[in-house]
């Protein structure tokens, strides 16, 4: 059974940076696509970024130019580098892949 475990969340001031990690276990194959989503309090879960096996990426307009998704297949890990963080980026961030979700990691940006 594939498991996704996120880490790297925390409390940062506006303008700060964080790097989230999502470690995949239980699979010997690299997925075609991995993605990050987020869910703020009282809001629906929303797409943040994805990366496919070719390395192509796509981002939500709200994070374009500030966030970077990357993957290290040798480490079975997907990253989300988040720069120039804003209070509106505050949310639980989830990793998605292999048809599964991780448990999420909290990101809080103070103003």
PDB file of N, CA and C in Angstrom:
ATOM      1  N   UNK A   1       0.846  -1.187   0.000  1.00  0.00           N
ATOM      2  CA  UNK A   1       0.000   0.000   0.000  1.00  0.00           C
ATOM      3  C   UNK A   1       0.883   1.238   0.000  1.00  0.00           C
ATOM      4  N   UNK A   2       0.570   2.157  -0.898  1.00  0.00           N
ATOM      5  CA  UNK A   2       1.364   3.379  -1.018  1.00  0.00           C
ATOM      6  C   UNK A   2       1.009   4.333   0.106  1.00  0.00           C
ATOM      7  N   UNK A   3       2.030   4.908   0.706  1.00  0.00           N
ATOM      8  CA  UNK A   3       1.826   5.927   1.736  1.00  0.00           C
ATOM      9  C   UNK A   3       2.586   7.182   1.358  1.00  0.00           C
ATOM     10  N   UNK A   4       1.949   8.311   1.622  1.00  0.00           N
ATOM     11  CA  UNK A   4       2.557   9.610   1.381  1.00  0.00           C
ATOM     12  C   UNK A   4       2.660  10.328   2.714  1.00  0.00           C
ATOM     13  N   UNK A   5       3.839  10.823   3.048  1.00  0.00           N
ATOM     14  CA  UNK A   5       4.043  11.501   4.323  1.00  0.00           C
ATOM     15  C   UNK A   5       4.663  12.860   4.068  1.00  0.00           C
ATOM     16  N   UNK A   6       3.910  13.906   4.418  1.00  0.00           N
ATOM     17  CA  UNK A   6       4.399  15.274   4.246  1.00  0.00           C
ATOM     18  C   UNK A   6       5.121  15.749   5.500  1.00  0.00           C
ATOM     19  N   UNK A   7       6.022  16.681   5.306  1.00  0.00           N
ATOM     20  CA  UNK A   7       6.716  17.329   6.420  1.00  0.00           C
ATOM     21  C   UNK A   7       7.217  18.680   5.950  1.00  0.00           C
ATOM     22  N   UNK A   8       7.677  19.486   6.914  1.00  0.00           N
ATOM     23  CA  UNK A   8       8.282  20.763   6.570  1.00  0.00           C
ATOM     24  C   UNK A   8       7.429  21.976   6.846  1.00  0.00           C
ATOM     25  N   UNK A   9       6.187  21.759   7.275  1.00  0.00           N
ATOM     26  CA  UNK A   9       5.328  22.897   7.589  1.00  0.00           C
ATOM     27  C   UNK A   9       5.788  23.605   8.850  1.00  0.00           C
ATOM     28  N   UNK A  10       5.168  24.759   9.118  1.00  0.00           N
ATOM     29  CA  UNK A  10       5.523  25.501  10.310  1.00  0.00           C
ATOM     30  C   UNK A  10       4.941  26.889  10.278  1.00  0.00           C
ATOM     31  N   UNK A  11       5.420  27.726  11.212  1.00  0.00           N
ATOM     32  CA  UNK A  11       4.981  29.112  11.323  1.00  0.00           C
ATOM     33  C   UNK A  11       6.100  30.019  10.824  1.00  0.00           C
ATOM     34  N   UNK A  12       5.776  30.865   9.862  1.00  0.00           N
ATOM     35  CA  UNK A  12       6.767  31.783   9.311  1.00  0.00           C
ATOM     36  C   UNK A  12       6.153  33.164   9.163  1.00  0.00           C
ATOM     37  N   UNK A  13       6.948  34.221   9.199  1.00  0.00           N
ATOM     38  CA  UNK A  13       6.417  35.561   8.957  1.00  0.00           C
ATOM     39  C   UNK A  13       6.184  35.771   7.466  1.00  0.00           C
ATOM     40  N   UNK A  14       5.336  36.707   7.141  1.00  0.00           N
ATOM     41  CA  UNK A  14       5.108  37.056   5.738  1.00  0.00           C
ATOM     42  C   UNK A  14       6.441  37.416   5.082  1.00  0.00           C
ATOM     43  N   UNK A  15       6.603  36.941   3.863  1.00  0.00           N
ATOM     44  CA  UNK A  15       7.853  37.135   3.144  1.00  0.00           C
ATOM     45  C   UNK A  15       8.857  36.020   3.338  1.00  0.00           C
ATOM     46  N   UNK A  16       8.578  35.130   4.260  1.00  0.00           N
ATOM     47  CA  UNK A  16       9.486  34.032   4.545  1.00  0.00           C
ATOM     48  C   UNK A  16       9.348  32.878   3.574  1.00  0.00           C
ATOM     49  N   UNK A  17      10.119  31.828   3.844  1.00  0.00           N
ATOM     50  CA  UNK A  17      10.152  30.660   2.970  1.00  0.00           C
ATOM     51  C   UNK A  17      10.026  29.370   3.775  1.00  0.00           C
ATOM     52  N   UNK A  18       9.502  28.361   3.126  1.00  0.00           N
ATOM     53  CA  UNK A  18       9.448  27.012   3.668  1.00  0.00           C
ATOM     54  C   UNK A  18       9.637  26.029   2.525  1.00  0.00           C
ATOM     55  N   UNK A  19      10.157  24.846   2.842  1.00  0.00           N
ATOM     56  CA  UNK A  19      10.209  23.778   1.860  1.00  0.00           C
ATOM     57  C   UNK A  19       9.485  22.570   2.429  1.00  0.00           C
ATOM     58  N   UNK A  20       8.452  22.168   1.736  1.00  0.00           N
ATOM     59  CA  UNK A  20       7.694  20.983   2.115  1.00  0.00           C
ATOM     60  C   UNK A  20       8.256  19.764   1.389  1.00  0.00           C
ATOM     61  N   UNK A  21       8.186  18.635   2.066  1.00  0.00           N
ATOM     62  CA  UNK A  21       8.613  17.368   1.470  1.00  0.00           C
ATOM     63  C   UNK A  21       7.479  16.359   1.547  1.00  0.00           C
ATOM     64  N   UNK A  22       7.413  15.502   0.568  1.00  0.00           N
ATOM     65  CA  UNK A  22       6.440  14.402   0.552  1.00  0.00           C
ATOM     66  C   UNK A  22       7.206  13.130   0.186  1.00  0.00           C
ATOM     67  N   UNK A  23       7.337  12.256   1.162  1.00  0.00           N
ATOM     68  CA  UNK A  23       8.049  11.003   0.946  1.00  0.00           C
ATOM     69  C   UNK A  23       7.053   9.909   0.630  1.00  0.00           C
ATOM     70  N   UNK A  24       7.327   9.196  -0.445  1.00  0.00           N
ATOM     71  CA  UNK A  24       6.444   8.113  -0.899  1.00  0.00           C
ATOM     72  C   UNK A  24       7.056   6.772  -0.521  1.00  0.00           C
ATOM     73  N   UNK A  25       6.248   5.920   0.063  1.00  0.00           N
ATOM     74  CA  UNK A  25       6.710   4.570   0.376  1.00  0.00           C
ATOM     75  C   UNK A  25       5.678   3.557  -0.102  1.00  0.00           C
ATOM     76  N   UNK A  26       6.141   2.326  -0.313  1.00  0.00           N
ATOM     77  CA  UNK A  26       5.225   1.264  -0.693  1.00  0.00           C
ATOM     78  C   UNK A  26       5.052   1.086  -2.181  1.00  0.00           C
ATOM     79  N   UNK A  27       5.862   1.793  -2.980  1.00  0.00           N
ATOM     80  CA  UNK A  27       5.768   1.628  -4.424  1.00  0.00           C
ATOM     81  C   UNK A  27       7.165   1.593  -5.021  1.00  0.00           C
ATOM     82  N   UNK A  28       7.348   0.726  -5.994  1.00  0.00           N
ATOM     83  CA  UNK A  28       8.645   0.646  -6.659  1.00  0.00           C
ATOM     84  C   UNK A  28       8.669   1.438  -7.953  1.00  0.00           C
ATOM     85  N   UNK A  29       7.523   2.000  -8.323  1.00  0.00           N
ATOM     86  CA  UNK A  29       7.431   2.764  -9.563  1.00  0.00           C
ATOM     87  C   UNK A  29       7.256   4.245  -9.271  1.00  0.00           C
ATOM     88  N   UNK A  30       7.819   5.068 -10.114  1.00  0.00           N
ATOM     89  CA  UNK A  30       7.593   6.500  -9.996  1.00  0.00           C
ATOM     90  C   UNK A  30       6.268   6.835 -10.670  1.00  0.00           C
ATOM     91  N   UNK A  31       5.429   7.605 -10.037  1.00  0.00           N
ATOM     92  CA  UNK A  31       4.131   7.921 -10.635  1.00  0.00           C
ATOM     93  C   UNK A  31       4.288   8.897 -11.779  1.00  0.00           C
ATOM     94  N   UNK A  32       3.317   8.902 -12.647  1.00  0.00           N
ATOM     95  CA  UNK A  32       3.343   9.845 -13.744  1.00  0.00           C
ATOM     96  C   UNK A  32       3.227  11.270 -13.240  1.00  0.00           C
ATOM     97  N   UNK A  33       2.392  11.463 -12.227  1.00  0.00           N
ATOM     98  CA  UNK A  33       2.173  12.813 -11.730  1.00  0.00           C
ATOM     99  C   UNK A  33       2.090  12.815 -10.215  1.00  0.00           C
ATOM    100  N   UNK A  34       2.656  13.858  -9.639  1.00  0.00           N
ATOM    101  CA  UNK A  34       2.525  14.131  -8.220  1.00  0.00           C
ATOM    102  C   UNK A  34       2.080  15.577  -8.074  1.00  0.00           C
ATOM    103  N   UNK A  35       1.290  15.831  -7.040  1.00  0.00           N
ATOM    104  CA  UNK A  35       0.732  17.177  -6.892  1.00  0.00           C
ATOM    105  C   UNK A  35       0.681  17.608  -5.437  1.00  0.00           C
ATOM    106  N   UNK A  36       0.608  18.902  -5.269  1.00  0.00           N
ATOM    107  CA  UNK A  36       0.361  19.517  -3.967  1.00  0.00           C
ATOM    108  C   UNK A  36      -0.974  20.245  -4.030  1.00  0.00           C
ATOM    109  N   UNK A  37      -1.738  20.097  -2.958  1.00  0.00           N
ATOM    110  CA  UNK A  37      -2.991  20.816  -2.777  1.00  0.00           C
ATOM    111  C   UNK A  37      -2.933  21.492  -1.406  1.00  0.00           C
ATOM    112  N   UNK A  38      -3.861  22.382  -1.153  1.00  0.00           N
ATOM    113  CA  UNK A  38      -3.950  22.999   0.163  1.00  0.00           C
ATOM    114  C   UNK A  38      -5.408  23.276   0.518  1.00  0.00           C
ATOM    115  N   UNK A  39      -5.640  23.340   1.812  1.00  0.00           N
ATOM    116  CA  UNK A  39      -6.986  23.621   2.297  1.00  0.00           C
ATOM    117  C   UNK A  39      -6.895  24.580   3.469  1.00  0.00           C
ATOM    118  N   UNK A  40      -7.461  25.766   3.271  1.00  0.00           N
ATOM    119  CA  UNK A  40      -7.503  26.774   4.327  1.00  0.00           C
ATOM    120  C   UNK A  40      -8.761  26.564   5.163  1.00  0.00           C
ATOM    121  N   UNK A  41      -8.781  27.060   6.393  1.00  0.00           N
ATOM    122  CA  UNK A  41      -9.967  26.879   7.247  1.00  0.00           C
ATOM    123  C   UNK A  41     -11.221  27.426   6.582  1.00  0.00           C
ATOM    124  N   UNK A  42     -12.257  26.611   6.565  1.00  0.00           N
ATOM    125  CA  UNK A  42     -13.527  27.038   6.011  1.00  0.00           C
ATOM    126  C   UNK A  42     -13.585  27.063   4.501  1.00  0.00           C
ATOM    127  N   UNK A  43     -12.532  26.599   3.843  1.00  0.00           N
ATOM    128  CA  UNK A  43     -12.500  26.618   2.383  1.00  0.00           C
ATOM    129  C   UNK A  43     -12.312  25.207   1.833  1.00  0.00           C
ATOM    130  N   UNK A  44     -12.603  25.055   0.542  1.00  0.00           N
ATOM    131  CA  UNK A  44     -12.407  23.774  -0.104  1.00  0.00           C
ATOM    132  C   UNK A  44     -10.925  23.561  -0.426  1.00  0.00           C
ATOM    133  N   UNK A  45     -10.566  22.293  -0.547  1.00  0.00           N
ATOM    134  CA  UNK A  45      -9.203  21.968  -0.940  1.00  0.00           C
ATOM    135  C   UNK A  45      -8.965  22.472  -2.361  1.00  0.00           C
ATOM    136  N   UNK A  46      -7.806  23.081  -2.592  1.00  0.00           N
ATOM    137  CA  UNK A  46      -7.510  23.644  -3.901  1.00  0.00           C
ATOM    138  C   UNK A  46      -6.153  23.186  -4.405  1.00  0.00           C
ATOM    139  N   UNK A  47      -6.049  23.129  -5.702  1.00  0.00           N
ATOM    140  CA  UNK A  47      -4.823  22.743  -6.375  1.00  0.00           C
ATOM    141  C   UNK A  47      -3.753  23.809  -6.182  1.00  0.00           C
ATOM    142  N   UNK A  48      -2.514  23.363  -5.973  1.00  0.00           N
ATOM    143  CA  UNK A  48      -1.385  24.279  -5.856  1.00  0.00           C
ATOM    144  C   UNK A  48      -0.397  24.085  -7.007  1.00  0.00           C
ATOM    145  N   UNK A  49       0.063  22.833  -7.205  1.00  0.00           N
ATOM    146  CA  UNK A  49       1.056  22.577  -8.241  1.00  0.00           C
ATOM    147  C   UNK A  49       1.113  21.084  -8.541  1.00  0.00           C
ATOM    148  N   UNK A  50       1.549  20.746  -9.782  1.00  0.00           N
ATOM    149  CA  UNK A  50       1.844  19.346 -10.069  1.00  0.00           C
ATOM    150  C   UNK A  50       3.079  19.247 -10.926  1.00  0.00           C
ATOM    151  N   UNK A  51       3.644  18.037 -10.904  1.00  0.00           N
ATOM    152  CA  UNK A  51       4.810  17.731 -11.718  1.00  0.00           C
ATOM    153  C   UNK A  51       4.613  16.344 -12.320  1.00  0.00           C
ATOM    154  N   UNK A  52       4.942  16.209 -13.608  1.00  0.00           N
ATOM    155  CA  UNK A  52       4.793  14.914 -14.261  1.00  0.00           C
ATOM    156  C   UNK A  52       6.166  14.295 -14.509  1.00  0.00           C
ATOM    157  N   UNK A  53       6.171  13.078 -14.995  1.00  0.00           N
ATOM    158  CA  UNK A  53       7.418  12.321 -15.110  1.00  0.00           C
ATOM    159  C   UNK A  53       8.440  12.996 -16.010  1.00  0.00           C
ATOM    160  N   UNK A  54       7.962  13.772 -16.980  1.00  0.00           N
ATOM    161  CA  UNK A  54       8.888  14.465 -17.879  1.00  0.00           C
ATOM    162  C   UNK A  54       9.571  15.640 -17.197  1.00  0.00           C
ATOM    163  N   UNK A  55       9.036  16.022 -16.046  1.00  0.00           N
ATOM    164  CA  UNK A  55       9.554  17.195 -15.339  1.00  0.00           C
ATOM    165  C   UNK A  55       8.732  18.438 -15.575  1.00  0.00           C
ATOM    166  N   UNK A  56       7.770  18.353 -16.478  1.00  0.00           N
ATOM    167  CA  UNK A  56       6.887  19.494 -16.708  1.00  0.00           C
ATOM    168  C   UNK A  56       6.084  19.788 -15.456  1.00  0.00           C
ATOM    169  N   UNK A  57       5.830  21.071 -15.245  1.00  0.00           N
ATOM    170  CA  UNK A  57       5.121  21.503 -14.045  1.00  0.00           C
ATOM    171  C   UNK A  57       3.978  22.435 -14.397  1.00  0.00           C
ATOM    172  N   UNK A  58       3.067  22.587 -13.453  1.00  0.00           N
ATOM    173  CA  UNK A  58       1.974  23.537 -13.609  1.00  0.00           C
ATOM    174  C   UNK A  58       1.623  24.063 -12.232  1.00  0.00           C
ATOM    175  N   UNK A  59       1.199  25.326 -12.175  1.00  0.00           N
ATOM    176  CA  UNK A  59       0.943  25.980 -10.902  1.00  0.00           C
ATOM    177  C   UNK A  59      -0.385  26.725 -10.926  1.00  0.00           C
ATOM    178  N   UNK A  60      -0.979  26.840  -9.751  1.00  0.00           N
ATOM    179  CA  UNK A  60      -2.117  27.731  -9.593  1.00  0.00           C
ATOM    180  C   UNK A  60      -1.623  29.169  -9.771  1.00  0.00           C
ATOM    181  N   UNK A  61      -2.477  30.007 -10.324  1.00  0.00           N
ATOM    182  CA  UNK A  61      -2.079  31.401 -10.564  1.00  0.00           C
ATOM    183  C   UNK A  61      -1.654  32.088  -9.271  1.00  0.00           C
ATOM    184  N   UNK A  62      -2.270  31.706  -8.167  1.00  0.00           N
ATOM    185  CA  UNK A  62      -2.009  32.378  -6.895  1.00  0.00           C
ATOM    186  C   UNK A  62      -0.601  32.130  -6.362  1.00  0.00           C
ATOM    187  N   UNK A  63       0.073  31.090  -6.856  1.00  0.00           N
ATOM    188  CA  UNK A  63       1.409  30.765  -6.347  1.00  0.00           C
ATOM    189  C   UNK A  63       2.482  30.850  -7.423  1.00  0.00           C
ATOM    190  N   UNK A  64       2.074  31.088  -8.647  1.00  0.00           N
ATOM    191  CA  UNK A  64       3.030  31.125  -9.762  1.00  0.00           C
ATOM    192  C   UNK A  64       4.087  32.191  -9.516  1.00  0.00           C
ATOM    193  N   UNK A  65       5.344  31.804  -9.720  1.00  0.00           N
ATOM    194  CA  UNK A  65       6.443  32.729  -9.494  1.00  0.00           C
ATOM    195  C   UNK A  65       6.968  32.736  -8.070  1.00  0.00           C
ATOM    196  N   UNK A  66       6.229  32.126  -7.147  1.00  0.00           N
ATOM    197  CA  UNK A  66       6.657  32.093  -5.744  1.00  0.00           C
ATOM    198  C   UNK A  66       6.952  30.664  -5.278  1.00  0.00           C
ATOM    199  N   UNK A  67       6.218  29.694  -5.796  1.00  0.00           N
ATOM    200  CA  UNK A  67       6.369  28.294  -5.397  1.00  0.00           C
ATOM    201  C   UNK A  67       7.023  27.505  -6.524  1.00  0.00           C
ATOM    202  N   UNK A  68       7.803  26.500  -6.138  1.00  0.00           N
ATOM    203  CA  UNK A  68       8.438  25.615  -7.109  1.00  0.00           C
ATOM    204  C   UNK A  68       8.274  24.167  -6.654  1.00  0.00           C
ATOM    205  N   UNK A  69       7.710  23.350  -7.535  1.00  0.00           N
ATOM    206  CA  UNK A  69       7.581  21.924  -7.253  1.00  0.00           C
ATOM    207  C   UNK A  69       8.718  21.178  -7.938  1.00  0.00           C
ATOM    208  N   UNK A  70       9.252  20.181  -7.255  1.00  0.00           N
ATOM    209  CA  UNK A  70      10.330  19.377  -7.832  1.00  0.00           C
ATOM    210  C   UNK A  70      10.231  17.961  -7.273  1.00  0.00           C
ATOM    211  N   UNK A  71      10.972  17.040  -7.888  1.00  0.00           N
ATOM    212  CA  UNK A  71      10.930  15.663  -7.417  1.00  0.00           C
ATOM    213  C   UNK A  71      12.313  15.047  -7.499  1.00  0.00           C
ATOM    214  N   UNK A  72      12.581  14.145  -6.583  1.00  0.00           N
ATOM    215  CA  UNK A  72      13.818  13.369  -6.581  1.00  0.00           C
ATOM    216  C   UNK A  72      13.397  11.907  -6.575  1.00  0.00           C
ATOM    217  N   UNK A  73      13.387  11.299  -7.751  1.00  0.00           N
ATOM    218  CA  UNK A  73      12.900   9.919  -7.861  1.00  0.00           C
ATOM    219  C   UNK A  73      13.775   8.941  -7.079  1.00  0.00           C
ATOM    220  N   UNK A  74      15.051   9.238  -6.978  1.00  0.00           N
ATOM    221  CA  UNK A  74      15.954   8.352  -6.232  1.00  0.00           C
ATOM    222  C   UNK A  74      15.588   8.314  -4.754  1.00  0.00           C
ATOM    223  N   UNK A  75      15.030   9.412  -4.259  1.00  0.00           N
ATOM    224  CA  UNK A  75      14.619   9.499  -2.855  1.00  0.00           C
ATOM    225  C   UNK A  75      13.122   9.318  -2.671  1.00  0.00           C
ATOM    226  N   UNK A  76      12.415   9.060  -3.774  1.00  0.00           N
ATOM    227  CA  UNK A  76      10.953   8.920  -3.703  1.00  0.00           C
ATOM    228  C   UNK A  76      10.316  10.102  -2.983  1.00  0.00           C
ATOM    229  N   UNK A  77      10.770  11.289  -3.322  1.00  0.00           N
ATOM    230  CA  UNK A  77      10.335  12.487  -2.613  1.00  0.00           C
ATOM    231  C   UNK A  77       9.953  13.583  -3.604  1.00  0.00           C
ATOM    232  N   UNK A  78       8.892  14.284  -3.258  1.00  0.00           N
ATOM    233  CA  UNK A  78       8.452  15.465  -3.995  1.00  0.00           C
ATOM    234  C   UNK A  78       8.549  16.650  -3.045  1.00  0.00           C
ATOM    235  N   UNK A  79       9.008  17.766  -3.578  1.00  0.00           N
ATOM    236  CA  UNK A  79       9.206  18.958  -2.759  1.00  0.00           C
ATOM    237  C   UNK A  79       8.311  20.100  -3.239  1.00  0.00           C
ATOM    238  N   UNK A  80       8.039  21.010  -2.332  1.00  0.00           N
ATOM    239  CA  UNK A  80       7.387  22.265  -2.687  1.00  0.00           C
ATOM    240  C   UNK A  80       8.150  23.380  -1.985  1.00  0.00           C
ATOM    241  N   UNK A  81       8.934  24.106  -2.756  1.00  0.00           N
ATOM    242  CA  UNK A  81       9.648  25.266  -2.227  1.00  0.00           C
ATOM    243  C   UNK A  81       8.726  26.460  -2.300  1.00  0.00           C
ATOM    244  N   UNK A  82       8.496  27.084  -1.166  1.00  0.00           N
ATOM    245  CA  UNK A  82       7.559  28.202  -1.085  1.00  0.00           C
ATOM    246  C   UNK A  82       8.314  29.444  -0.626  1.00  0.00           C
ATOM    247  N   UNK A  83       8.362  30.437  -1.485  1.00  0.00           N
ATOM    248  CA  UNK A  83       9.040  31.698  -1.179  1.00  0.00           C
ATOM    249  C   UNK A  83       8.040  32.842  -1.158  1.00  0.00           C
ATOM    250  N   UNK A  84       8.453  33.954  -0.588  1.00  0.00           N
ATOM    251  CA  UNK A  84       7.597  35.152  -0.530  1.00  0.00           C
ATOM    252  C   UNK A  84       6.208  34.800  -0.010  1.00  0.00           C
ATOM    253  N   UNK A  85       6.175  34.069   1.076  1.00  0.00           N
ATOM    254  CA  UNK A  85       4.899  33.603   1.618  1.00  0.00           C
ATOM    255  C   UNK A  85       4.026  34.753   2.088  1.00  0.00           C
ATOM    256  N   UNK A  86       2.721  34.561   1.916  1.00  0.00           N
ATOM    257  CA  UNK A  86       1.720  35.558   2.297  1.00  0.00           C
ATOM    258  C   UNK A  86       0.771  34.951   3.323  1.00  0.00           C
ATOM    259  N   UNK A  87       0.117  35.772   4.119  1.00  0.00           N
ATOM    260  CA  UNK A  87      -0.846  35.228   5.086  1.00  0.00           C
ATOM    261  C   UNK A  87      -1.922  34.364   4.421  1.00  0.00           C
ATOM    262  N   UNK A  88      -2.285  34.699   3.194  1.00  0.00           N
ATOM    263  CA  UNK A  88      -3.307  33.908   2.498  1.00  0.00           C
ATOM    264  C   UNK A  88      -2.809  32.540   2.050  1.00  0.00           C
ATOM    265  N   UNK A  89      -1.524  32.273   2.210  1.00  0.00           N
ATOM    266  CA  UNK A  89      -1.000  30.936   1.936  1.00  0.00           C
ATOM    267  C   UNK A  89      -1.210  29.993   3.124  1.00  0.00           C
ATOM    268  N   UNK A  90      -1.685  30.526   4.230  1.00  0.00           N
ATOM    269  CA  UNK A  90      -1.936  29.698   5.407  1.00  0.00           C
ATOM    270  C   UNK A  90      -2.954  28.619   5.095  1.00  0.00           C
ATOM    271  N   UNK A  91      -2.579  27.376   5.326  1.00  0.00           N
ATOM    272  CA  UNK A  91      -3.442  26.241   5.007  1.00  0.00           C
ATOM    273  C   UNK A  91      -2.749  24.953   5.442  1.00  0.00           C
ATOM    274  N   UNK A  92      -3.495  23.872   5.379  1.00  0.00           N
ATOM    275  CA  UNK A  92      -2.895  22.541   5.466  1.00  0.00           C
ATOM    276  C   UNK A  92      -2.545  22.128   4.044  1.00  0.00           C
ATOM    277  N   UNK A  93      -1.307  21.729   3.848  1.00  0.00           N
ATOM    278  CA  UNK A  93      -0.824  21.348   2.530  1.00  0.00           C
ATOM    279  C   UNK A  93      -0.766  19.825   2.419  1.00  0.00           C
ATOM    280  N   UNK A  94      -1.333  19.317   1.327  1.00  0.00           N
ATOM    281  CA  UNK A  94      -1.431  17.880   1.107  1.00  0.00           C
ATOM    282  C   UNK A  94      -0.695  17.481  -0.166  1.00  0.00           C
ATOM    283  N   UNK A  95      -0.074  16.331  -0.090  1.00  0.00           N
ATOM    284  CA  UNK A  95       0.571  15.717  -1.237  1.00  0.00           C
ATOM    285  C   UNK A  95      -0.391  14.679  -1.816  1.00  0.00           C
ATOM    286  N   UNK A  96      -0.427  14.599  -3.139  1.00  0.00           N
ATOM    287  CA  UNK A  96      -1.290  13.618  -3.798  1.00  0.00           C
ATOM    288  C   UNK A  96      -0.511  12.879  -4.874  1.00  0.00           C
ATOM    289  N   UNK A  97      -0.682  11.553  -4.896  1.00  0.00           N
ATOM    290  CA  UNK A  97      -0.069  10.738  -5.927  1.00  0.00           C
ATOM    291  C   UNK A  97      -0.498   9.303  -5.770  1.00  0.00           C
ATOM    292  N   UNK A  98      -0.401   8.518  -6.842  1.00  0.00           N
ATOM    293  CA  UNK A  98      -0.814   7.117  -6.791  1.00  0.00           C
ATOM    294  C   UNK A  98      -2.270   6.969  -6.354  1.00  0.00           C
ATOM    295  N   UNK A  99      -3.070   8.006  -6.570  1.00  0.00           N
ATOM    296  CA  UNK A  99      -4.461   7.953  -6.154  1.00  0.00           C
ATOM    297  C   UNK A  99      -4.664   8.094  -4.660  1.00  0.00           C
ATOM    298  N   UNK A 100      -3.626   8.492  -3.958  1.00  0.00           N
ATOM    299  CA  UNK A 100      -3.703   8.616  -2.507  1.00  0.00           C
ATOM    300  C   UNK A 100      -3.312  10.023  -2.054  1.00  0.00           C
ATOM    301  N   UNK A 101      -3.704  10.320  -0.826  1.00  0.00           N
ATOM    302  CA  UNK A 101      -3.380  11.592  -0.196  1.00  0.00           C
ATOM    303  C   UNK A 101      -2.514  11.347   1.032  1.00  0.00           C
ATOM    304  N   UNK A 102      -1.642  12.318   1.309  1.00  0.00           N
ATOM    305  CA  UNK A 102      -0.946  12.302   2.582  1.00  0.00           C
ATOM    306  C   UNK A 102      -1.835  12.863   3.676  1.00  0.00           C
ATOM    307  N   UNK A 103      -1.278  12.938   4.887  1.00  0.00           N
ATOM    308  CA  UNK A 103      -2.071  13.396   6.024  1.00  0.00           C
ATOM    309  C   UNK A 103      -2.067  14.914   6.156  1.00  0.00           C
ATOM    310  N   UNK A 104      -1.175  15.574   5.436  1.00  0.00           N
ATOM    311  CA  UNK A 104      -1.122  17.029   5.444  1.00  0.00           C
ATOM    312  C   UNK A 104      -0.108  17.584   6.427  1.00  0.00           C
ATOM    313  N   UNK A 105       0.359  18.794   6.132  1.00  0.00           N
ATOM    314  CA  UNK A 105       1.266  19.507   7.017  1.00  0.00           C
ATOM    315  C   UNK A 105       0.816  20.964   7.078  1.00  0.00           C
ATOM    316  N   UNK A 106       0.761  21.514   8.283  1.00  0.00           N
ATOM    317  CA  UNK A 106       0.222  22.858   8.492  1.00  0.00           C
ATOM    318  C   UNK A 106       1.263  23.914   8.160  1.00  0.00           C
ATOM    319  N   UNK A 107       0.835  24.881   7.372  1.00  0.00           N
ATOM    320  CA  UNK A 107       1.658  26.060   7.081  1.00  0.00           C
ATOM    321  C   UNK A 107       0.887  27.284   7.573  1.00  0.00           C
ATOM    322  N   UNK A 108       1.518  28.068   8.423  1.00  0.00           N
ATOM    323  CA  UNK A 108       0.905  29.274   8.944  1.00  0.00           C
ATOM    324  C   UNK A 108       1.839  30.451   8.682  1.00  0.00           C
ATOM    325  N   UNK A 109       1.300  31.465   8.010  1.00  0.00           N
ATOM    326  CA  UNK A 109       2.080  32.649   7.676  1.00  0.00           C
ATOM    327  C   UNK A 109       1.506  33.823   8.454  1.00  0.00           C
ATOM    328  N   UNK A 110       2.312  34.419   9.289  1.00  0.00           N
ATOM    329  CA  UNK A 110       1.853  35.533  10.120  1.00  0.00           C
ATOM    330  C   UNK A 110       2.079  36.856   9.390  1.00  0.00           C
ATOM    331  N   UNK A 111       1.175  37.791   9.641  1.00  0.00           N
ATOM    332  CA  UNK A 111       1.273  39.101   8.971  1.00  0.00           C
ATOM    333  C   UNK A 111       2.110  40.074   9.781  1.00  0.00           C
TER     334      UNK A 111
END
